[in-house]
Amino acid sequence: MKANRIGIVMVAVFLLKSVPVFALSTPIGRDISFPKDYDPEKAKAIRKVIQDERFKFVDGIVSHWPPDFGTRLSFEGDAKSLNDFLAALRTLPGMGLRVILYRGRDDELRRDSTWQLDFSQARPDQLTVYLNLSAKGLDFEKVNLPEWPAPS
């Protein structure tokens, strides 16, 4: 009987320790999960933007789903804050910027932030910003999209 209990406890401990390994996504703070061989100077420049306190960070998540292995960071703010964020991203050397407009949700199941930044390990030289057209505090008439292509 005692050996049976020890076996059950050992299995329970193993399963509890293994949960993060089997998770398809994990939370992350104001950071990005870069590939191991990613250019450290480029990572530092991106972190400087995403860690800037002018931009209100809400939440972050890392997807462990191949081939993307993406990081998505959520931010809140008004048009000025978004314009400053986009302008800062546009100054990053060697980084492409893609903007996607979508109608986010704001209900009991999900509350989408004003905008989200996505970094994909499958596209390491490109950042994607998702703009939530349903965001209540964002006046889209005041949003200034950056110049395409980036000025040299």
N, C-alpha and C. Protein backbone atom coordinates (compact mmCIF):
# COMPACT_ATOMS: atom_id res chain seq x y z
N MET A 1 0.82 -1.20 0.00
CA MET A 1 0.00 0.00 0.00
C MET A 1 0.87 1.26 0.00
N LYS A 2 1.93 1.24 0.87
CA LYS A 2 2.81 2.40 0.96
C LYS A 2 3.56 2.62 -0.36
N ALA A 3 4.01 1.55 -1.00
CA ALA A 3 4.71 1.65 -2.28
C ALA A 3 3.80 2.23 -3.35
N ASN A 4 2.52 1.87 -3.29
CA ASN A 4 1.54 2.38 -4.24
C ASN A 4 1.40 3.91 -4.11
N ARG A 5 1.36 4.40 -2.87
CA ARG A 5 1.25 5.85 -2.63
C ARG A 5 2.49 6.58 -3.14
N ILE A 6 3.65 6.00 -2.89
CA ILE A 6 4.89 6.63 -3.35
C ILE A 6 4.89 6.70 -4.87
N GLY A 7 4.44 5.66 -5.52
CA GLY A 7 4.36 5.65 -6.99
C GLY A 7 3.42 6.73 -7.50
N ILE A 8 2.28 6.90 -6.86
CA ILE A 8 1.31 7.92 -7.26
C ILE A 8 1.91 9.31 -7.07
N VAL A 9 2.59 9.51 -5.95
CA VAL A 9 3.21 10.82 -5.68
C VAL A 9 4.29 11.11 -6.72
N MET A 10 5.08 10.12 -7.08
CA MET A 10 6.15 10.33 -8.06
C MET A 10 5.57 10.67 -9.43
N VAL A 11 4.51 10.00 -9.82
CA VAL A 11 3.87 10.30 -11.10
C VAL A 11 3.29 11.72 -11.08
N ALA A 12 2.65 12.09 -9.97
CA ALA A 12 2.08 13.44 -9.86
C ALA A 12 3.16 14.50 -9.95
N VAL A 13 4.28 14.29 -9.26
CA VAL A 13 5.38 15.26 -9.31
C VAL A 13 5.93 15.36 -10.73
N PHE A 14 6.10 14.24 -11.41
CA PHE A 14 6.59 14.25 -12.79
C PHE A 14 5.65 15.04 -13.69
N LEU A 15 4.36 14.79 -13.57
CA LEU A 15 3.39 15.48 -14.42
C LEU A 15 3.37 16.98 -14.14
N LEU A 16 3.45 17.36 -12.88
CA LEU A 16 3.44 18.78 -12.54
C LEU A 16 4.71 19.48 -13.04
N LYS A 17 5.83 18.81 -12.98
CA LYS A 17 7.09 19.39 -13.46
C LYS A 17 7.11 19.47 -14.99
N SER A 18 6.37 18.60 -15.67
CA SER A 18 6.40 18.51 -17.13
C SER A 18 5.42 19.44 -17.82
N VAL A 19 4.49 20.04 -17.10
CA VAL A 19 3.45 20.86 -17.72
C VAL A 19 4.03 21.95 -18.61
N PRO A 20 5.04 22.74 -18.17
CA PRO A 20 5.57 23.78 -19.07
C PRO A 20 6.17 23.23 -20.35
N VAL A 21 6.71 22.02 -20.31
CA VAL A 21 7.33 21.43 -21.49
C VAL A 21 6.27 21.16 -22.56
N PHE A 22 5.06 20.77 -22.14
CA PHE A 22 4.01 20.42 -23.07
C PHE A 22 3.13 21.60 -23.47
N ALA A 23 3.34 22.76 -22.89
CA ALA A 23 2.51 23.92 -23.19
C ALA A 23 2.81 24.42 -24.60
N LEU A 24 1.77 24.83 -25.32
CA LEU A 24 1.95 25.37 -26.67
C LEU A 24 2.29 26.85 -26.63
N SER A 25 2.00 27.51 -25.53
CA SER A 25 2.38 28.91 -25.36
C SER A 25 2.63 29.18 -23.89
N THR A 26 3.51 30.14 -23.65
CA THR A 26 3.84 30.53 -22.28
C THR A 26 3.87 32.05 -22.18
N PRO A 27 3.56 32.58 -21.01
CA PRO A 27 3.60 34.03 -20.86
C PRO A 27 5.04 34.55 -20.88
N ILE A 28 5.16 35.79 -21.31
CA ILE A 28 6.46 36.47 -21.31
C ILE A 28 6.20 37.92 -20.92
N GLY A 29 7.16 38.53 -20.29
CA GLY A 29 7.04 39.94 -19.94
C GLY A 29 7.33 40.82 -21.15
N ARG A 30 7.89 41.95 -20.90
CA ARG A 30 8.20 42.94 -21.94
C ARG A 30 9.50 42.55 -22.64
N ASP A 31 9.46 41.43 -23.34
CA ASP A 31 10.66 40.90 -23.99
C ASP A 31 10.23 40.08 -25.20
N ILE A 32 11.20 39.61 -25.96
CA ILE A 32 10.95 38.77 -27.12
C ILE A 32 11.84 37.55 -27.01
N SER A 33 11.31 36.41 -27.39
CA SER A 33 12.08 35.17 -27.42
C SER A 33 12.78 35.09 -28.78
N PHE A 34 14.01 35.57 -28.81
CA PHE A 34 14.79 35.58 -30.05
C PHE A 34 15.47 34.22 -30.25
N PRO A 35 15.77 33.85 -31.49
CA PRO A 35 16.54 32.62 -31.72
C PRO A 35 17.93 32.76 -31.10
N LYS A 36 18.54 31.64 -30.78
CA LYS A 36 19.84 31.66 -30.11
C LYS A 36 20.92 32.38 -30.91
N ASP A 37 20.87 32.29 -32.23
CA ASP A 37 21.90 32.90 -33.07
C ASP A 37 21.50 34.29 -33.60
N TYR A 38 20.49 34.92 -32.98
CA TYR A 38 20.00 36.22 -33.46
C TYR A 38 21.03 37.31 -33.17
N ASP A 39 21.15 38.26 -34.08
CA ASP A 39 22.09 39.38 -33.95
C ASP A 39 21.84 40.13 -32.64
N PRO A 40 22.79 40.15 -31.72
CA PRO A 40 22.57 40.79 -30.41
C PRO A 40 22.32 42.29 -30.50
N GLU A 41 22.91 42.96 -31.48
CA GLU A 41 22.68 44.40 -31.63
C GLU A 41 21.26 44.69 -32.10
N LYS A 42 20.76 43.85 -33.01
CA LYS A 42 19.40 44.01 -33.49
C LYS A 42 18.40 43.72 -32.37
N ALA A 43 18.67 42.67 -31.58
CA ALA A 43 17.80 42.33 -30.43
C ALA A 43 17.79 43.48 -29.42
N LYS A 44 18.94 44.07 -29.17
CA LYS A 44 19.03 45.19 -28.23
C LYS A 44 18.21 46.39 -28.72
N ALA A 45 18.28 46.68 -30.02
CA ALA A 45 17.52 47.81 -30.59
C ALA A 45 16.02 47.56 -30.50
N ILE A 46 15.58 46.33 -30.76
CA ILE A 46 14.15 46.01 -30.66
C ILE A 46 13.70 46.11 -29.21
N ARG A 47 14.50 45.56 -28.29
CA ARG A 47 14.15 45.62 -26.85
C ARG A 47 14.05 47.06 -26.36
N LYS A 48 14.89 47.93 -26.89
CA LYS A 48 14.84 49.34 -26.48
C LYS A 48 13.46 49.94 -26.78
N VAL A 49 12.88 49.55 -27.90
CA VAL A 49 11.54 50.05 -28.26
C VAL A 49 10.47 49.42 -27.38
N ILE A 50 10.47 48.09 -27.28
CA ILE A 50 9.38 47.42 -26.57
C ILE A 50 9.43 47.63 -25.06
N GLN A 51 10.61 47.99 -24.54
CA GLN A 51 10.73 48.22 -23.11
C GLN A 51 10.61 49.69 -22.74
N ASP A 52 10.35 50.53 -23.72
CA ASP A 52 10.16 51.97 -23.49
C ASP A 52 8.87 52.17 -22.70
N GLU A 53 8.96 52.81 -21.57
CA GLU A 53 7.82 53.00 -20.67
C GLU A 53 6.76 53.94 -21.24
N ARG A 54 7.06 54.64 -22.34
CA ARG A 54 6.02 55.46 -22.98
C ARG A 54 4.89 54.60 -23.52
N PHE A 55 5.17 53.33 -23.78
CA PHE A 55 4.20 52.43 -24.36
C PHE A 55 3.68 51.49 -23.28
N LYS A 56 2.37 51.56 -23.03
CA LYS A 56 1.77 50.79 -21.93
C LYS A 56 1.66 49.32 -22.31
N PHE A 57 2.51 48.51 -21.70
CA PHE A 57 2.54 47.07 -21.93
C PHE A 57 1.40 46.41 -21.16
N VAL A 58 0.70 45.49 -21.83
CA VAL A 58 -0.43 44.78 -21.20
C VAL A 58 -0.07 43.34 -20.89
N ASP A 59 0.45 42.63 -21.89
CA ASP A 59 0.69 41.20 -21.71
C ASP A 59 1.56 40.70 -22.85
N GLY A 60 2.16 39.55 -22.66
CA GLY A 60 2.96 38.94 -23.71
C GLY A 60 2.85 37.44 -23.67
N ILE A 61 3.02 36.82 -24.83
CA ILE A 61 2.93 35.37 -24.93
C ILE A 61 3.91 34.88 -25.99
N VAL A 62 4.52 33.73 -25.72
CA VAL A 62 5.42 33.09 -26.67
C VAL A 62 4.75 31.81 -27.14
N SER A 63 4.67 31.64 -28.44
CA SER A 63 4.11 30.42 -29.03
C SER A 63 5.24 29.45 -29.30
N HIS A 64 5.07 28.21 -28.86
CA HIS A 64 6.08 27.18 -29.10
C HIS A 64 5.63 26.26 -30.23
N TRP A 65 4.96 26.84 -31.19
CA TRP A 65 4.39 26.09 -32.30
C TRP A 65 5.24 26.31 -33.54
N PRO A 66 5.86 25.25 -34.08
CA PRO A 66 6.69 25.44 -35.27
C PRO A 66 5.84 25.77 -36.49
N PRO A 67 6.35 26.45 -37.47
CA PRO A 67 7.71 26.97 -37.57
C PRO A 67 7.85 28.38 -37.02
N ASP A 68 6.74 28.95 -36.56
CA ASP A 68 6.71 30.36 -36.18
C ASP A 68 7.52 30.66 -34.91
N PHE A 69 7.28 29.93 -33.85
CA PHE A 69 7.89 30.21 -32.55
C PHE A 69 7.84 31.71 -32.28
N GLY A 70 6.64 32.26 -32.34
CA GLY A 70 6.46 33.71 -32.28
C GLY A 70 6.27 34.25 -30.88
N THR A 71 6.55 35.54 -30.75
CA THR A 71 6.28 36.29 -29.53
C THR A 71 5.27 37.37 -29.89
N ARG A 72 4.21 37.47 -29.11
CA ARG A 72 3.21 38.53 -29.33
C ARG A 72 3.09 39.34 -28.05
N LEU A 73 3.32 40.64 -28.19
CA LEU A 73 3.24 41.57 -27.07
C LEU A 73 2.06 42.50 -27.28
N SER A 74 1.25 42.70 -26.25
CA SER A 74 0.06 43.55 -26.34
C SER A 74 0.30 44.87 -25.64
N PHE A 75 -0.18 45.95 -26.28
CA PHE A 75 -0.02 47.30 -25.76
C PHE A 75 -1.35 48.04 -25.81
N GLU A 76 -1.50 49.00 -24.92
CA GLU A 76 -2.65 49.91 -24.91
C GLU A 76 -2.14 51.32 -25.14
N GLY A 77 -2.99 52.19 -25.68
CA GLY A 77 -2.59 53.58 -25.84
C GLY A 77 -3.46 54.31 -26.83
N ASP A 78 -3.19 55.61 -26.91
CA ASP A 78 -3.94 56.46 -27.84
C ASP A 78 -3.16 56.59 -29.15
N ALA A 79 -3.66 57.42 -30.05
CA ALA A 79 -3.05 57.58 -31.38
C ALA A 79 -1.62 58.11 -31.28
N LYS A 80 -1.36 59.05 -30.37
CA LYS A 80 0.00 59.59 -30.24
C LYS A 80 0.97 58.49 -29.81
N SER A 81 0.56 57.70 -28.84
CA SER A 81 1.41 56.61 -28.37
C SER A 81 1.68 55.61 -29.50
N LEU A 82 0.65 55.25 -30.24
CA LEU A 82 0.81 54.33 -31.37
C LEU A 82 1.72 54.93 -32.43
N ASN A 83 1.52 56.20 -32.76
CA ASN A 83 2.37 56.88 -33.75
C ASN A 83 3.83 56.86 -33.31
N ASP A 84 4.08 57.13 -32.04
CA ASP A 84 5.45 57.11 -31.51
C ASP A 84 6.04 55.70 -31.58
N PHE A 85 5.21 54.70 -31.28
CA PHE A 85 5.64 53.30 -31.33
C PHE A 85 6.02 52.91 -32.75
N LEU A 86 5.16 53.22 -33.72
CA LEU A 86 5.44 52.90 -35.11
C LEU A 86 6.69 53.63 -35.62
N ALA A 87 6.83 54.89 -35.23
CA ALA A 87 8.00 55.66 -35.65
C ALA A 87 9.29 55.05 -35.07
N ALA A 88 9.23 54.62 -33.83
CA ALA A 88 10.41 54.00 -33.21
C ALA A 88 10.75 52.68 -33.91
N LEU A 89 9.74 51.89 -34.23
CA LEU A 89 9.99 50.62 -34.93
C LEU A 89 10.58 50.87 -36.31
N ARG A 90 10.14 51.93 -36.95
CA ARG A 90 10.59 52.23 -38.32
C ARG A 90 12.06 52.60 -38.36
N THR A 91 12.63 53.03 -37.25
CA THR A 91 14.04 53.41 -37.22
C THR A 91 14.97 52.21 -37.02
N LEU A 92 14.42 51.03 -36.77
CA LEU A 92 15.26 49.85 -36.53
C LEU A 92 15.94 49.43 -37.83
N PRO A 93 17.26 49.40 -37.84
CA PRO A 93 17.97 49.05 -39.08
C PRO A 93 17.77 47.58 -39.44
N GLY A 94 17.53 47.33 -40.72
CA GLY A 94 17.41 45.98 -41.21
C GLY A 94 16.13 45.24 -40.84
N MET A 95 15.14 45.98 -40.35
CA MET A 95 13.87 45.34 -39.96
C MET A 95 12.74 45.82 -40.86
N GLY A 96 12.01 44.89 -41.41
CA GLY A 96 10.80 45.23 -42.15
C GLY A 96 9.66 45.41 -41.16
N LEU A 97 8.67 46.17 -41.56
CA LEU A 97 7.51 46.41 -40.70
C LEU A 97 6.25 46.16 -41.50
N ARG A 98 5.40 45.33 -40.95
CA ARG A 98 4.12 45.00 -41.58
C ARG A 98 3.03 45.42 -40.62
N VAL A 99 1.97 46.04 -41.14
CA VAL A 99 0.83 46.47 -40.32
C VAL A 99 -0.42 45.74 -40.81
N ILE A 100 -1.12 45.14 -39.87
CA ILE A 100 -2.35 44.42 -40.19
C ILE A 100 -3.49 45.02 -39.38
N LEU A 101 -4.57 45.38 -40.07
CA LEU A 101 -5.76 45.91 -39.41
C LEU A 101 -6.73 44.76 -39.18
N TYR A 102 -7.28 44.70 -37.97
CA TYR A 102 -8.25 43.65 -37.69
C TYR A 102 -9.28 44.17 -36.69
N ARG A 103 -10.41 43.51 -36.65
CA ARG A 103 -11.46 43.85 -35.70
C ARG A 103 -11.33 42.93 -34.49
N GLY A 104 -10.80 43.50 -33.41
CA GLY A 104 -10.58 42.73 -32.20
C GLY A 104 -11.86 42.50 -31.42
N ARG A 105 -11.74 41.69 -30.41
CA ARG A 105 -12.89 41.37 -29.56
C ARG A 105 -12.79 42.11 -28.25
N ASP A 106 -13.96 42.37 -27.67
CA ASP A 106 -14.05 42.97 -26.35
C ASP A 106 -15.32 42.41 -25.71
N ASP A 107 -15.21 41.17 -25.27
CA ASP A 107 -16.37 40.51 -24.67
C ASP A 107 -15.91 39.65 -23.50
N GLU A 108 -16.81 38.84 -23.00
CA GLU A 108 -16.47 38.04 -21.82
C GLU A 108 -15.44 36.95 -22.12
N LEU A 109 -15.23 36.61 -23.37
CA LEU A 109 -14.26 35.57 -23.72
C LEU A 109 -12.87 36.12 -23.97
N ARG A 110 -12.79 37.33 -24.52
CA ARG A 110 -11.47 37.89 -24.86
C ARG A 110 -11.54 39.40 -24.94
N ARG A 111 -10.49 40.05 -24.46
CA ARG A 111 -10.36 41.50 -24.57
C ARG A 111 -9.05 41.80 -25.29
N ASP A 112 -9.16 42.16 -26.56
CA ASP A 112 -7.96 42.47 -27.34
C ASP A 112 -7.46 43.87 -27.00
N SER A 113 -6.14 44.01 -26.96
CA SER A 113 -5.53 45.31 -26.67
C SER A 113 -5.61 46.22 -27.90
N THR A 114 -5.17 47.45 -27.73
CA THR A 114 -5.21 48.44 -28.82
C THR A 114 -4.34 48.01 -29.99
N TRP A 115 -3.12 47.57 -29.68
CA TRP A 115 -2.26 47.04 -30.72
C TRP A 115 -1.37 45.95 -30.14
N GLN A 116 -0.87 45.12 -31.06
CA GLN A 116 0.01 44.02 -30.68
C GLN A 116 1.20 43.99 -31.61
N LEU A 117 2.34 43.65 -31.04
CA LEU A 117 3.56 43.49 -31.83
C LEU A 117 3.87 42.00 -31.90
N ASP A 118 4.15 41.51 -33.10
CA ASP A 118 4.44 40.10 -33.30
C ASP A 118 5.84 39.94 -33.88
N PHE A 119 6.64 39.08 -33.25
CA PHE A 119 7.95 38.70 -33.78
C PHE A 119 7.90 37.20 -34.05
N SER A 120 8.24 36.81 -35.27
CA SER A 120 8.25 35.39 -35.65
C SER A 120 9.68 34.96 -35.93
N GLN A 121 10.07 33.84 -35.34
CA GLN A 121 11.40 33.32 -35.63
C GLN A 121 11.49 32.81 -37.07
N ALA A 122 10.35 32.57 -37.69
CA ALA A 122 10.34 32.18 -39.10
C ALA A 122 10.62 33.36 -40.02
N ARG A 123 10.36 34.59 -39.54
CA ARG A 123 10.63 35.83 -40.28
C ARG A 123 11.38 36.79 -39.35
N PRO A 124 12.64 36.50 -39.04
CA PRO A 124 13.36 37.25 -38.01
C PRO A 124 13.73 38.68 -38.38
N ASP A 125 13.58 39.05 -39.65
CA ASP A 125 13.90 40.42 -40.07
C ASP A 125 12.64 41.24 -40.33
N GLN A 126 11.53 40.82 -39.73
CA GLN A 126 10.26 41.52 -39.92
C GLN A 126 9.48 41.55 -38.61
N LEU A 127 8.91 42.71 -38.31
CA LEU A 127 7.99 42.85 -37.18
C LEU A 127 6.61 43.12 -37.75
N THR A 128 5.60 42.60 -37.08
CA THR A 128 4.23 42.82 -37.50
C THR A 128 3.48 43.51 -36.38
N VAL A 129 2.78 44.59 -36.71
CA VAL A 129 1.93 45.29 -35.74
C VAL A 129 0.48 45.05 -36.15
N TYR A 130 -0.30 44.53 -35.22
CA TYR A 130 -1.73 44.32 -35.43
C TYR A 130 -2.48 45.47 -34.78
N LEU A 131 -3.23 46.23 -35.58
CA LEU A 131 -4.01 47.36 -35.06
C LEU A 131 -5.46 46.93 -34.91
N ASN A 132 -5.97 47.07 -33.72
CA ASN A 132 -7.33 46.66 -33.40
C ASN A 132 -8.31 47.78 -33.79
N LEU A 133 -9.04 47.59 -34.88
CA LEU A 133 -10.00 48.59 -35.35
C LEU A 133 -11.16 48.79 -34.37
N SER A 134 -11.35 47.85 -33.46
CA SER A 134 -12.44 47.95 -32.49
C SER A 134 -12.00 48.60 -31.18
N ALA A 135 -10.74 49.00 -31.09
CA ALA A 135 -10.24 49.61 -29.86
C ALA A 135 -10.99 50.91 -29.57
N LYS A 136 -11.51 51.03 -28.37
CA LYS A 136 -12.34 52.18 -28.02
C LYS A 136 -11.56 53.49 -27.84
N GLY A 137 -10.35 53.42 -27.34
CA GLY A 137 -9.61 54.63 -27.03
C GLY A 137 -8.69 55.12 -28.13
N LEU A 138 -8.82 54.58 -29.32
CA LEU A 138 -7.91 54.94 -30.41
C LEU A 138 -8.66 55.63 -31.53
N ASP A 139 -8.29 56.90 -31.78
CA ASP A 139 -8.88 57.68 -32.86
C ASP A 139 -8.05 57.42 -34.13
N PHE A 140 -8.55 56.57 -35.02
CA PHE A 140 -7.78 56.17 -36.19
C PHE A 140 -7.56 57.32 -37.17
N GLU A 141 -8.33 58.38 -37.08
CA GLU A 141 -8.08 59.53 -37.95
C GLU A 141 -6.79 60.24 -37.59
N LYS A 142 -6.27 59.98 -36.39
CA LYS A 142 -5.02 60.61 -35.94
C LYS A 142 -3.82 59.68 -36.06
N VAL A 143 -4.03 58.46 -36.54
CA VAL A 143 -2.93 57.51 -36.68
C VAL A 143 -2.16 57.82 -37.97
N ASN A 144 -0.84 57.92 -37.84
CA ASN A 144 0.04 58.17 -38.98
C ASN A 144 0.85 56.91 -39.25
N LEU A 145 0.52 56.24 -40.35
CA LEU A 145 1.30 55.05 -40.69
C LEU A 145 2.67 55.49 -41.21
N PRO A 146 3.70 54.71 -40.90
CA PRO A 146 5.04 55.09 -41.33
C PRO A 146 5.22 55.01 -42.84
N GLU A 147 6.24 55.67 -43.30
CA GLU A 147 6.57 55.71 -44.71
C GLU A 147 7.03 54.33 -45.19
N TRP A 148 6.56 53.92 -46.40
CA TRP A 148 6.98 52.66 -47.00
C TRP A 148 7.66 52.95 -48.32
N PRO A 149 8.77 52.40 -48.61
CA PRO A 149 9.66 51.70 -47.69
C PRO A 149 10.30 52.68 -46.72
N ALA A 150 11.01 52.13 -45.74
CA ALA A 150 11.66 52.97 -44.74
C ALA A 150 12.67 53.89 -45.41
N PRO A 151 12.74 55.14 -44.94
CA PRO A 151 13.77 56.04 -45.50
C PRO A 151 15.15 55.51 -45.20
N SER A 152 16.07 55.67 -46.14
CA SER A 152 17.44 55.16 -45.93
C SER A 152 18.30 56.16 -45.21
